[in-house]
Protein backbone atom coordinates (compact mmCIF):
# COMPACT_ATOMS: atom_id res chain seq x y z
CA MET A 1 0.00 -0.04 -0.13
CA LYS A 2 1.42 3.47 -0.98
CA PRO A 3 2.33 5.63 2.00
CA PHE A 4 -0.23 8.46 0.93
CA LYS A 5 -3.07 6.08 0.66
CA ALA A 6 -2.09 4.34 4.08
CA ALA A 7 -2.09 7.87 5.72
CA VAL A 8 -5.45 8.62 4.31
CA ILE A 9 -7.15 5.55 5.53
CA PHE A 10 -5.47 6.13 8.97
CA VAL A 11 -6.87 9.70 9.20
CA VAL A 12 -10.44 8.52 8.12
CA LEU A 13 -10.51 5.63 10.72
CA ALA A 14 -9.39 8.01 13.41
CA LEU A 15 -12.27 10.37 12.55
CA LEU A 16 -14.79 7.63 12.51
CA ALA A 17 -13.48 6.08 15.86
CA PRO A 18 -15.64 7.15 18.86
CA ALA A 19 -13.97 9.78 21.24
CA ALA A 20 -12.75 8.45 24.49
CA ARG A 21 -15.30 9.27 26.93
CA ALA A 22 -14.15 10.78 30.27
CA GLU A 23 -15.37 8.74 33.46
CA GLU A 24 -18.23 10.72 35.07
CA ILE A 25 -18.39 10.76 38.69
CA TYR A 26 -21.79 11.80 40.00
CA LEU A 27 -22.04 13.92 43.34
CA SER A 28 -25.07 14.51 45.29
CA VAL A 29 -24.10 16.90 47.91
CA ALA A 30 -25.79 19.23 50.68
CA HIS A 31 -25.82 22.73 49.38
CA SER A 32 -24.03 24.32 52.30
CA LEU A 33 -20.89 22.37 51.02
CA LYS A 34 -20.83 23.72 47.49
CA GLU A 35 -17.83 25.84 47.86
CA VAL A 36 -15.69 23.22 49.45
CA VAL A 37 -16.58 20.40 47.23
CA ASN A 38 -16.52 22.52 44.02
CA GLY A 39 -12.79 23.45 44.95
CA LEU A 40 -11.70 19.88 45.64
CA ALA A 41 -13.49 18.55 42.46
CA ASP A 42 -11.97 21.25 40.32
CA GLY A 43 -8.60 20.25 41.64
CA TYR A 44 -9.21 16.57 40.85
CA GLU A 45 -10.25 17.24 37.38
CA LYS A 46 -7.05 19.28 36.53
CA THR A 47 -4.79 16.31 37.84
CA HIS A 48 -7.12 13.74 36.33
CA PRO A 49 -7.90 14.78 32.75
CA GLY A 50 -10.14 11.67 32.12
CA VAL A 51 -12.46 12.31 34.98
CA LYS A 52 -15.48 14.78 34.91
CA PHE A 53 -17.70 15.39 37.90
CA VAL A 54 -21.41 15.82 37.41
CA ARG A 55 -22.41 18.01 40.53
CA ASN A 56 -25.88 18.08 42.00
CA PHE A 57 -26.18 20.34 45.17
CA GLY A 58 -29.34 20.66 47.08
CA ALA A 59 -31.46 19.88 50.17
CA SER A 60 -30.26 16.67 51.76
CA GLY A 61 -33.89 15.19 51.75
CA ALA A 62 -34.48 16.17 48.05
CA LEU A 63 -31.15 14.57 47.11
CA ALA A 64 -31.92 11.44 48.84
CA LYS A 65 -35.30 10.96 47.23
CA GLN A 66 -33.79 11.49 43.79
CA ILE A 67 -31.26 8.87 44.38
CA GLU A 68 -33.93 6.43 45.50
CA ALA A 69 -35.84 7.33 42.40
CA GLY A 70 -33.03 6.21 40.38
CA ALA A 71 -31.05 9.36 39.79
CA PRO A 72 -27.21 8.44 39.18
CA ALA A 73 -25.06 9.20 42.28
CA ASP A 74 -21.66 7.83 43.34
CA ILE A 75 -21.08 9.95 46.35
CA PHE A 76 -23.77 11.28 48.72
CA ILE A 77 -23.06 13.91 51.38
CA SER A 78 -26.04 14.81 53.64
CA ALA A 79 -26.31 17.74 56.26
CA ASN A 80 -27.56 15.50 58.89
CA ARG A 81 -27.32 11.91 60.18
CA GLU A 82 -31.11 11.22 59.73
CA TRP A 83 -31.00 11.26 55.73
CA MET A 84 -27.98 9.25 55.62
CA ASP A 85 -29.41 6.64 58.03
CA LYS A 86 -32.55 6.28 55.83
CA MET A 87 -30.16 5.89 52.75
CA LYS A 88 -28.45 3.09 54.72
CA GLU A 89 -31.75 1.42 55.72
CA LYS A 90 -32.74 1.34 52.06
CA LYS A 91 -29.48 -0.02 51.03
CA ALA A 92 -28.86 3.00 48.81
CA VAL A 93 -25.25 3.67 50.13
CA ASP A 94 -22.33 1.45 51.05
CA ALA A 95 -22.76 1.30 54.92
CA GLY A 96 -19.10 0.59 55.39
CA SER A 97 -18.02 3.83 53.61
CA ILE A 98 -20.09 6.25 55.77
CA ASP A 99 -18.01 8.75 57.58
CA THR A 100 -18.71 12.32 59.04
CA LEU A 101 -16.74 14.95 57.12
CA ALA A 102 -17.48 18.05 59.15
CA TYR A 103 -19.76 19.90 61.57
CA ASN A 104 -21.54 23.22 61.25
CA VAL A 105 -23.36 25.81 63.47
CA LEU A 106 -26.88 27.15 63.12
CA VAL A 107 -27.08 30.89 63.16
CA PHE A 108 -29.76 33.60 62.70
CA ALA A 109 -28.63 36.09 59.94
CA GLY A 110 -30.14 39.49 58.85
CA LYS A 111 -29.25 42.95 57.80
CA ASP A 112 -28.03 45.76 60.04
CA GLY A 113 -30.85 47.26 62.05
CA VAL A 114 -32.79 44.08 62.57
CA ARG A 115 -33.26 43.60 66.21
CA ALA A 116 -32.65 40.05 67.10
CA GLY A 117 -30.18 39.17 69.68
CA GLY A 118 -31.58 35.73 70.68
CA MET A 119 -34.42 33.19 70.21
CA LYS A 120 -36.57 35.39 72.57
CA ASP A 121 -36.63 38.21 70.08
CA LEU A 122 -38.09 36.34 67.15
CA PRO A 123 -41.72 36.70 67.96
CA ALA A 124 -41.29 40.56 67.48
CA LEU A 125 -40.35 40.02 63.85
CA SER A 126 -42.77 39.93 61.10
CA GLN A 127 -41.43 37.24 58.93
CA ILE A 128 -38.37 34.99 59.00
CA ALA A 129 -37.13 32.26 56.42
CA ILE A 130 -36.20 28.79 57.14
CA GLY A 131 -35.65 25.66 55.00
CA SER A 132 -38.63 23.32 54.69
CA PRO A 133 -38.16 21.00 57.63
CA LYS A 134 -39.49 18.07 55.63
CA SER A 135 -36.39 18.13 53.41
CA VAL A 136 -34.06 20.73 54.53
CA PRO A 137 -31.96 19.69 57.80
CA ALA A 138 -31.27 23.45 58.57
CA GLY A 139 -35.08 23.92 58.68
CA GLU A 140 -35.40 20.77 61.07
CA TYR A 141 -32.63 22.23 63.38
CA ALA A 142 -34.35 25.64 63.35
CA THR A 143 -37.65 23.97 64.23
CA GLN A 144 -35.83 22.11 67.11
CA ALA A 145 -34.55 25.45 68.38
CA MET A 146 -37.90 27.25 68.30
CA ASN A 147 -39.58 24.35 70.06
CA ARG A 148 -37.12 23.97 72.70
CA SER A 149 -36.88 27.71 73.23
CA GLY A 150 -40.51 27.99 73.74
CA VAL A 151 -41.21 30.37 70.72
CA ALA A 152 -42.57 27.93 68.11
CA GLU A 153 -46.28 28.67 68.70
CA ARG A 154 -45.82 32.46 68.14
CA MET A 155 -43.72 31.85 65.06
CA GLU A 156 -46.08 29.70 63.11
CA ARG A 157 -47.62 32.24 60.89
CA LYS A 158 -44.27 34.18 60.42
CA LEU A 159 -42.18 31.28 58.71
CA VAL A 160 -41.41 31.50 54.99
CA MET A 161 -40.42 28.07 53.63
CA ALA A 162 -37.45 27.71 51.34
CA ARG A 163 -36.30 24.83 49.21
CA ASP A 164 -32.86 24.76 50.70
CA VAL A 165 -30.63 26.88 53.13
CA ARG A 166 -29.25 29.17 50.26
CA GLU A 167 -32.71 30.23 49.20
CA ALA A 168 -33.60 31.12 52.92
CA LEU A 169 -30.50 33.26 52.85
CA LEU A 170 -31.66 34.68 49.49
CA TYR A 171 -34.89 35.79 50.97
CA ALA A 172 -33.16 37.67 53.70
CA GLU A 173 -30.62 39.26 51.39
CA ARG A 174 -33.57 40.50 49.18
CA GLY A 175 -35.45 41.92 52.24
CA GLU A 176 -38.39 39.74 51.73
CA VAL A 177 -37.93 38.62 55.28
CA GLU A 178 -36.13 40.14 58.34
CA GLY A 179 -33.79 37.26 58.75
CA ALA A 180 -33.20 33.58 58.13
CA PHE A 181 -32.14 30.43 60.01
CA VAL A 182 -28.89 29.45 58.20
CA TYR A 183 -25.62 27.67 58.86
CA LYS A 184 -22.72 29.91 59.87
CA THR A 185 -20.81 29.02 56.65
CA ASP A 186 -23.67 30.22 54.56
CA ALA A 187 -23.99 33.41 56.50
CA LEU A 188 -20.19 34.06 55.88
CA GLN A 189 -20.77 33.84 52.27
CA SER A 190 -23.34 36.80 52.19
CA LYS A 191 -22.10 40.21 51.32
CA THR A 192 -25.13 42.04 52.76
CA LEU A 193 -26.08 40.04 55.96
CA LYS A 194 -24.35 39.45 59.21
CA VAL A 195 -24.77 37.00 62.10
CA LEU A 196 -27.33 38.33 64.35
CA PHE A 197 -26.90 35.63 66.82
CA VAL A 198 -25.54 32.03 67.16
CA VAL A 199 -28.30 29.49 68.23
CA PRO A 200 -27.30 27.98 71.44
CA GLN A 201 -26.19 24.34 70.73
CA ALA A 202 -28.45 22.98 73.45
CA LEU A 203 -31.51 23.94 71.45
CA TYR A 204 -30.81 21.58 68.46
CA ASP A 205 -29.08 18.56 67.38
CA ARG A 206 -25.57 18.96 66.20
CA VAL A 207 -25.09 19.79 62.60
CA SER A 208 -23.05 17.06 61.03
CA TYR A 209 -22.17 16.10 57.33
CA PRO A 210 -21.97 12.32 56.92
CA GLY A 211 -20.70 11.13 53.38
CA ALA A 212 -20.81 7.85 51.74
CA LEU A 213 -20.17 6.06 48.55
CA THR A 214 -23.07 4.47 46.80
CA PHE A 215 -22.71 0.94 45.55
CA SER A 216 -21.97 2.38 42.13
CA GLY A 217 -19.40 4.74 43.35
CA ALA A 218 -17.64 2.03 45.38
CA LYS A 219 -16.94 0.35 41.84
CA LYS A 220 -15.42 3.43 40.43
CA ALA A 221 -11.68 3.81 41.30
CA ASP A 222 -11.92 7.75 40.89
CA ALA A 223 -15.11 7.96 43.06
CA VAL A 224 -13.33 5.95 45.80
CA ALA A 225 -10.13 8.26 45.43
CA PHE A 226 -12.15 11.47 45.49
CA PHE A 227 -14.03 10.32 48.65
CA ALA A 228 -10.66 9.55 50.20
CA ILE A 229 -9.70 13.23 49.41
CA LEU A 230 -12.80 14.60 50.95
CA ARG A 231 -11.61 12.82 54.42
CA SER A 232 -7.94 14.14 54.05
CA GLY A 233 -6.06 16.43 56.00
CA ALA A 234 -5.96 18.86 53.07
CA ALA A 235 -9.89 18.89 52.78
CA LYS A 236 -10.18 19.34 56.62
CA ALA A 237 -8.10 22.57 56.25
CA LEU A 238 -10.37 23.76 53.46
CA PHE A 239 -13.39 23.03 55.55
CA GLU A 240 -12.03 24.86 58.40
CA LYS A 241 -11.15 27.78 56.22
CA GLN A 242 -14.76 28.05 55.03
CA GLY A 243 -16.03 28.08 58.67
CA PHE A 244 -17.00 24.36 59.30
CA VAL A 245 -15.94 22.68 62.48
CA ILE A 246 -13.92 19.38 62.08
CA ARG A 247 -14.13 17.89 65.65
């Protein structure tokens, strides 16, 4: 075969050959971890050109229900133990891989001028935002705090429900409510709000972030490697930089 003809055939075959597809790692992660996980995932993609993360951030309950319904997921990180336990019971995650990655603190955030220095001051406000307790752990923690502090009944008609903690923060930033129950890390992300008070830990269960591999994720080397990175010392330093608590 003449060299020119052979070269033409080689080029044609190369064009017809399917392009190598990057391995996709599906992440289902509580919204408040977005900045940390994005930073770590971006770094992993740069050092592993054949890997692409498909990222899904949202309320823990909504993410869990999506996975149960068949949505692809290789790593699941919740903002409370309850949703992870439910996923474990339904055999939707690899129980042996479950590990708590970080902790957080519940705060009440609002703009300057809002008079709220503690739970006792909330009934005097017109409206506040919380994540829907049915699917948003931050809303569940806020509900616990209102019940245990004795203000829940007076707050029933003043609550504006949000799809996740970031939406609750957005309502307060827009001035649609006077304040919002959010995590400390979310409040630190806001340029217009400040922490009006830290909710006493005795009023709600500790905010934890358990993570786990799903059974599909446990079969992917890069998913296993990335989950190990999430538990590494470098990741812990990044968590702390964003305001999370490690112990």
